[in-house]
PDB file of N, CA and C in Angstrom:
ATOM      1  N   MET A   1       5.014   0.197  -8.033  1.00  0.00           N
ATOM      2  CA  MET A   1       3.855  -0.668  -7.903  1.00  0.00           C
ATOM      3  C   MET A   1       3.064  -0.573  -9.199  1.00  0.00           C
ATOM      4  N   THR A   2       2.510  -1.670  -9.615  1.00  0.00           N
ATOM      5  CA  THR A   2       1.762  -1.674 -10.861  1.00  0.00           C
ATOM      6  C   THR A   2       0.290  -1.970 -10.598  1.00  0.00           C
ATOM      7  N   SER A   3      -0.518  -1.735 -11.615  1.00  0.00           N
ATOM      8  CA  SER A   3      -1.962  -1.933 -11.480  1.00  0.00           C
ATOM      9  C   SER A   3      -2.333  -3.397 -11.244  1.00  0.00           C
ATOM     10  N   LYS A   4      -1.407  -4.324 -11.442  1.00  0.00           N
ATOM     11  CA  LYS A   4      -1.740  -5.737 -11.216  1.00  0.00           C
ATOM     12  C   LYS A   4      -2.037  -6.036  -9.750  1.00  0.00           C
ATOM     13  N   TYR A   5      -1.697  -5.100  -8.855  1.00  0.00           N
ATOM     14  CA  TYR A   5      -1.964  -5.295  -7.430  1.00  0.00           C
ATOM     15  C   TYR A   5      -3.327  -4.776  -6.997  1.00  0.00           C
ATOM     16  N   ILE A   6      -4.090  -4.168  -7.886  1.00  0.00           N
ATOM     17  CA  ILE A   6      -5.423  -3.681  -7.533  1.00  0.00           C
ATOM     18  C   ILE A   6      -6.285  -4.875  -7.127  1.00  0.00           C
ATOM     19  N   GLY A   7      -6.928  -4.754  -5.970  1.00  0.00           N
ATOM     20  CA  GLY A   7      -7.755  -5.837  -5.446  1.00  0.00           C
ATOM     21  C   GLY A   7      -6.984  -6.848  -4.625  1.00  0.00           C
ATOM     22  N   ARG A   8      -5.676  -6.649  -4.499  1.00  0.00           N
ATOM     23  CA  ARG A   8      -4.843  -7.584  -3.743  1.00  0.00           C
ATOM     24  C   ARG A   8      -4.337  -6.937  -2.469  1.00  0.00           C
ATOM     25  N   ILE A   9      -3.879  -7.758  -1.561  1.00  0.00           N
ATOM     26  CA  ILE A   9      -3.268  -7.275  -0.318  1.00  0.00           C
ATOM     27  C   ILE A   9      -1.754  -7.355  -0.490  1.00  0.00           C
ATOM     28  N   VAL A  10      -1.095  -6.243  -0.176  1.00  0.00           N
ATOM     29  CA  VAL A  10       0.361  -6.192  -0.263  1.00  0.00           C
ATOM     30  C   VAL A  10       0.924  -5.636   1.040  1.00  0.00           C
ATOM     31  N   GLU A  11       2.120  -6.039   1.344  1.00  0.00           N
ATOM     32  CA  GLU A  11       2.862  -5.519   2.489  1.00  0.00           C
ATOM     33  C   GLU A  11       3.800  -4.455   1.929  1.00  0.00           C
ATOM     34  N   ILE A  12       3.787  -3.254   2.523  1.00  0.00           N
ATOM     35  CA  ILE A  12       4.635  -2.177   2.025  1.00  0.00           C
ATOM     36  C   ILE A  12       5.522  -1.618   3.131  1.00  0.00           C
ATOM     37  N   VAL A  13       6.651  -1.083   2.729  1.00  0.00           N
ATOM     38  CA  VAL A  13       7.487  -0.245   3.592  1.00  0.00           C
ATOM     39  C   VAL A  13       7.313   1.150   3.024  1.00  0.00           C
ATOM     40  N   TYR A  14       6.870   2.083   3.881  1.00  0.00           N
ATOM     41  CA  TYR A  14       6.465   3.405   3.427  1.00  0.00           C
ATOM     42  C   TYR A  14       7.174   4.480   4.232  1.00  0.00           C
ATOM     43  N   MET A  15       7.588   5.539   3.536  1.00  0.00           N
ATOM     44  CA  MET A  15       8.188   6.688   4.205  1.00  0.00           C
ATOM     45  C   MET A  15       7.210   7.863   4.090  1.00  0.00           C
ATOM     46  N   ASP A  16       6.768   8.391   5.254  1.00  0.00           N
ATOM     47  CA  ASP A  16       5.816   9.499   5.224  1.00  0.00           C
ATOM     48  C   ASP A  16       6.529  10.825   4.943  1.00  0.00           C
ATOM     49  N   GLN A  17       5.769  11.912   4.911  1.00  0.00           N
ATOM     50  CA  GLN A  17       6.310  13.224   4.548  1.00  0.00           C
ATOM     51  C   GLN A  17       7.413  13.692   5.488  1.00  0.00           C
ATOM     52  N   SER A  18       7.374  13.258   6.741  1.00  0.00           N
ATOM     53  CA  SER A  18       8.396  13.669   7.707  1.00  0.00           C
ATOM     54  C   SER A  18       9.618  12.750   7.699  1.00  0.00           C
ATOM     55  N   GLY A  19       9.588  11.705   6.860  1.00  0.00           N
ATOM     56  CA  GLY A  19      10.717  10.783   6.769  1.00  0.00           C
ATOM     57  C   GLY A  19      10.597   9.570   7.667  1.00  0.00           C
ATOM     58  N   LYS A  20       9.476   9.441   8.381  1.00  0.00           N
ATOM     59  CA  LYS A  20       9.262   8.294   9.267  1.00  0.00           C
ATOM     60  C   LYS A  20       8.902   7.056   8.443  1.00  0.00           C
ATOM     61  N   LEU A  21       9.543   5.937   8.769  1.00  0.00           N
ATOM     62  CA  LEU A  21       9.276   4.676   8.074  1.00  0.00           C
ATOM     63  C   LEU A  21       8.219   3.865   8.807  1.00  0.00           C
ATOM     64  N   SER A  22       7.373   3.191   8.034  1.00  0.00           N
ATOM     65  CA  SER A  22       6.411   2.278   8.637  1.00  0.00           C
ATOM     66  C   SER A  22       6.217   1.092   7.700  1.00  0.00           C
ATOM     67  N   GLN A  23       5.789  -0.011   8.281  1.00  0.00           N
ATOM     68  CA  GLN A  23       5.460  -1.199   7.510  1.00  0.00           C
ATOM     69  C   GLN A  23       3.971  -1.414   7.657  1.00  0.00           C
ATOM     70  N   ARG A  24       3.302  -1.585   6.536  1.00  0.00           N
ATOM     71  CA  ARG A  24       1.844  -1.718   6.553  1.00  0.00           C
ATOM     72  C   ARG A  24       1.404  -2.837   5.627  1.00  0.00           C
ATOM     73  N   ARG A  25       0.254  -3.368   5.947  1.00  0.00           N
ATOM     74  CA  ARG A  25      -0.414  -4.329   5.069  1.00  0.00           C
ATOM     75  C   ARG A  25      -1.652  -3.623   4.542  1.00  0.00           C
ATOM     76  N   ILE A  26      -1.754  -3.485   3.224  1.00  0.00           N
ATOM     77  CA  ILE A  26      -2.856  -2.727   2.634  1.00  0.00           C
ATOM     78  C   ILE A  26      -3.551  -3.533   1.541  1.00  0.00           C
ATOM     79  N   GLU A  27      -4.839  -3.244   1.359  1.00  0.00           N
ATOM     80  CA  GLU A  27      -5.569  -3.759   0.204  1.00  0.00           C
ATOM     81  C   GLU A  27      -5.652  -2.619  -0.797  1.00  0.00           C
ATOM     82  N   VAL A  28      -5.094  -2.827  -1.967  1.00  0.00           N
ATOM     83  CA  VAL A  28      -5.019  -1.781  -2.980  1.00  0.00           C
ATOM     84  C   VAL A  28      -6.348  -1.700  -3.730  1.00  0.00           C
ATOM     85  N   HIS A  29      -6.910  -0.471  -3.793  1.00  0.00           N
ATOM     86  CA  HIS A  29      -8.170  -0.249  -4.496  1.00  0.00           C
ATOM     87  C   HIS A  29      -7.973   0.457  -5.827  1.00  0.00           C
ATOM     88  N   GLY A  30      -6.914   1.255  -5.946  1.00  0.00           N
ATOM     89  CA  GLY A  30      -6.686   1.955  -7.197  1.00  0.00           C
ATOM     90  C   GLY A  30      -5.376   2.712  -7.212  1.00  0.00           C
ATOM     91  N   LEU A  31      -4.903   2.991  -8.421  1.00  0.00           N
ATOM     92  CA  LEU A  31      -3.689   3.762  -8.641  1.00  0.00           C
ATOM     93  C   LEU A  31      -4.018   4.851  -9.649  1.00  0.00           C
ATOM     94  N   LYS A  32      -3.705   6.105  -9.295  1.00  0.00           N
ATOM     95  CA  LYS A  32      -3.983   7.202 -10.216  1.00  0.00           C
ATOM     96  C   LYS A  32      -3.096   8.388  -9.875  1.00  0.00           C
ATOM     97  N   ASN A  33      -2.433   8.925 -10.886  1.00  0.00           N
ATOM     98  CA  ASN A  33      -1.594  10.115 -10.732  1.00  0.00           C
ATOM     99  C   ASN A  33      -0.574   9.977  -9.606  1.00  0.00           C
ATOM    100  N   GLY A  34       0.012   8.796  -9.465  1.00  0.00           N
ATOM    101  CA  GLY A  34       1.046   8.590  -8.452  1.00  0.00           C
ATOM    102  C   GLY A  34       0.521   8.361  -7.049  1.00  0.00           C
ATOM    103  N   LEU A  35      -0.794   8.211  -6.907  1.00  0.00           N
ATOM    104  CA  LEU A  35      -1.397   7.967  -5.596  1.00  0.00           C
ATOM    105  C   LEU A  35      -1.997   6.565  -5.551  1.00  0.00           C
ATOM    106  N   ILE A  36      -1.825   5.912  -4.424  1.00  0.00           N
ATOM    107  CA  ILE A  36      -2.384   4.579  -4.196  1.00  0.00           C
ATOM    108  C   ILE A  36      -3.540   4.719  -3.219  1.00  0.00           C
ATOM    109  N   ARG A  37      -4.737   4.361  -3.654  1.00  0.00           N
ATOM    110  CA  ARG A  37      -5.893   4.323  -2.748  1.00  0.00           C
ATOM    111  C   ARG A  37      -5.970   2.916  -2.193  1.00  0.00           C
ATOM    112  N   ALA A  38      -6.084   2.813  -0.865  1.00  0.00           N
ATOM    113  CA  ALA A  38      -6.032   1.498  -0.226  1.00  0.00           C
ATOM    114  C   ALA A  38      -6.757   1.523   1.107  1.00  0.00           C
ATOM    115  N   THR A  39      -6.953   0.332   1.658  1.00  0.00           N
ATOM    116  CA  THR A  39      -7.446   0.181   3.025  1.00  0.00           C
ATOM    117  C   THR A  39      -6.332  -0.460   3.838  1.00  0.00           C
ATOM    118  N   CYS A  40      -5.999   0.159   4.964  1.00  0.00           N
ATOM    119  CA  CYS A  40      -4.999  -0.404   5.865  1.00  0.00           C
ATOM    120  C   CYS A  40      -5.622  -1.623   6.551  1.00  0.00           C
ATOM    121  N   GLN A  41      -4.971  -2.755   6.473  1.00  0.00           N
ATOM    122  CA  GLN A  41      -5.491  -3.990   7.065  1.00  0.00           C
ATOM    123  C   GLN A  41      -5.363  -4.003   8.578  1.00  0.00           C
ATOM    124  N   TYR A  42      -4.504  -3.163   9.145  1.00  0.00           N
ATOM    125  CA  TYR A  42      -4.333  -3.112  10.591  1.00  0.00           C
ATOM    126  C   TYR A  42      -5.401  -2.255  11.260  1.00  0.00           C
ATOM    127  N   THR A  43      -5.784  -1.140  10.616  1.00  0.00           N
ATOM    128  CA  THR A  43      -6.753  -0.216  11.219  1.00  0.00           C
ATOM    129  C   THR A  43      -8.134  -0.301  10.591  1.00  0.00           C
ATOM    130  N   GLY A  44      -8.216  -0.846   9.377  1.00  0.00           N
ATOM    131  CA  GLY A  44      -9.477  -0.892   8.655  1.00  0.00           C
ATOM    132  C   GLY A  44      -9.864   0.446   8.035  1.00  0.00           C
ATOM    133  N   GLN A  45      -8.968   1.412   8.100  1.00  0.00           N
ATOM    134  CA  GLN A  45      -9.249   2.764   7.614  1.00  0.00           C
ATOM    135  C   GLN A  45      -8.767   2.941   6.177  1.00  0.00           C
ATOM    136  N   PRO A  46      -9.515   3.732   5.384  1.00  0.00           N
ATOM    137  CA  PRO A  46      -9.040   4.056   4.035  1.00  0.00           C
ATOM    138  C   PRO A  46      -7.814   4.958   4.124  1.00  0.00           C
ATOM    139  N   ARG A  47      -6.876   4.750   3.230  1.00  0.00           N
ATOM    140  CA  ARG A  47      -5.639   5.528   3.222  1.00  0.00           C
ATOM    141  C   ARG A  47      -5.248   5.839   1.790  1.00  0.00           C
ATOM    142  N   THR A  48      -4.471   6.894   1.626  1.00  0.00           N
ATOM    143  CA  THR A  48      -3.871   7.231   0.348  1.00  0.00           C
ATOM    144  C   THR A  48      -2.367   7.330   0.558  1.00  0.00           C
ATOM    145  N   PHE A  49      -1.614   6.692  -0.315  1.00  0.00           N
ATOM    146  CA  PHE A  49      -0.157   6.677  -0.224  1.00  0.00           C
ATOM    147  C   PHE A  49       0.427   7.237  -1.507  1.00  0.00           C
ATOM    148  N   ARG A  50       1.493   7.994  -1.392  1.00  0.00           N
ATOM    149  CA  ARG A  50       2.231   8.454  -2.566  1.00  0.00           C
ATOM    150  C   ARG A  50       3.077   7.283  -3.061  1.00  0.00           C
ATOM    151  N   GLU A  51       2.888   6.942  -4.314  1.00  0.00           N
ATOM    152  CA  GLU A  51       3.588   5.789  -4.876  1.00  0.00           C
ATOM    153  C   GLU A  51       5.110   5.940  -4.773  1.00  0.00           C
ATOM    154  N   ASP A  52       5.618   7.155  -4.938  1.00  0.00           N
ATOM    155  CA  ASP A  52       7.062   7.342  -4.880  1.00  0.00           C
ATOM    156  C   ASP A  52       7.626   7.254  -3.459  1.00  0.00           C
ATOM    157  N   ASN A  53       6.763   7.183  -2.442  1.00  0.00           N
ATOM    158  CA  ASN A  53       7.217   7.011  -1.061  1.00  0.00           C
ATOM    159  C   ASN A  53       7.151   5.556  -0.599  1.00  0.00           C
ATOM    160  N   VAL A  54       6.683   4.673  -1.462  1.00  0.00           N
ATOM    161  CA  VAL A  54       6.696   3.238  -1.151  1.00  0.00           C
ATOM    162  C   VAL A  54       8.093   2.726  -1.494  1.00  0.00           C
ATOM    163  N   LEU A  55       8.822   2.308  -0.478  1.00  0.00           N
ATOM    164  CA  LEU A  55      10.201   1.884  -0.665  1.00  0.00           C
ATOM    165  C   LEU A  55      10.312   0.415  -1.059  1.00  0.00           C
ATOM    166  N   ALA A  56       9.338  -0.398  -0.633  1.00  0.00           N
ATOM    167  CA  ALA A  56       9.331  -1.823  -0.971  1.00  0.00           C
ATOM    168  C   ALA A  56       7.916  -2.341  -0.852  1.00  0.00           C
ATOM    169  N   TRP A  57       7.583  -3.338  -1.641  1.00  0.00           N
ATOM    170  CA  TRP A  57       6.278  -3.985  -1.536  1.00  0.00           C
ATOM    171  C   TRP A  57       6.403  -5.441  -1.904  1.00  0.00           C
ATOM    172  N   GLN A  58       5.493  -6.214  -1.330  1.00  0.00           N
ATOM    173  CA  GLN A  58       5.470  -7.648  -1.576  1.00  0.00           C
ATOM    174  C   GLN A  58       4.038  -8.119  -1.466  1.00  0.00           C
ATOM    175  N   PRO A  59       3.530  -8.848  -2.445  1.00  0.00           N
ATOM    176  CA  PRO A  59       2.182  -9.391  -2.348  1.00  0.00           C
ATOM    177  C   PRO A  59       2.091 -10.359  -1.173  1.00  0.00           C
ATOM    178  N   VAL A  60       0.958 -10.341  -0.482  1.00  0.00           N
ATOM    179  CA  VAL A  60       0.705 -11.263   0.611  1.00  0.00           C
ATOM    180  C   VAL A  60       0.054 -12.509   0.040  1.00  0.00           C
ATOM    181  N   SER A  61       0.571 -13.654   0.409  1.00  0.00           N
ATOM    182  CA  SER A  61       0.018 -14.922  -0.045  1.00  0.00           C
ATOM    183  C   SER A  61      -1.410 -15.043   0.475  1.00  0.00           C
ATOM    184  N   GLN A  62      -2.329 -15.358  -0.420  1.00  0.00           N
ATOM    185  CA  GLN A  62      -3.743 -15.465  -0.030  1.00  0.00           C
ATOM    186  C   GLN A  62      -4.199 -16.919  -0.108  1.00  0.00           C
ATOM    187  N   THR A  63      -3.465 -17.771   0.598  1.00  0.00           N
ATOM    188  CA  THR A  63      -3.815 -19.183   0.640  1.00  0.00           C
ATOM    189  C   THR A  63      -4.720 -19.451   1.824  1.00  0.00           C
ATOM    190  N   ALA A  64      -5.539 -20.445   1.699  1.00  0.00           N
ATOM    191  CA  ALA A  64      -6.479 -20.790   2.771  1.00  0.00           C
ATOM    192  C   ALA A  64      -5.827 -21.617   3.839  1.00  0.00           C
TER     193      ALA A  64
END
């Protein structure tokens, strides 16, 4: 993931520390030292993701 996604909503496939896969929609707030600071769009909660555990990502179309 690159810094061009800061401020955007992306859909990610993520593997947590235990190896469990999840699909999430997040708003990216920042990238630093391999960590992604974001807000989960499903829960509204702030989250931090390890960039190397993001298996796939795709920007969400923000059309009206």
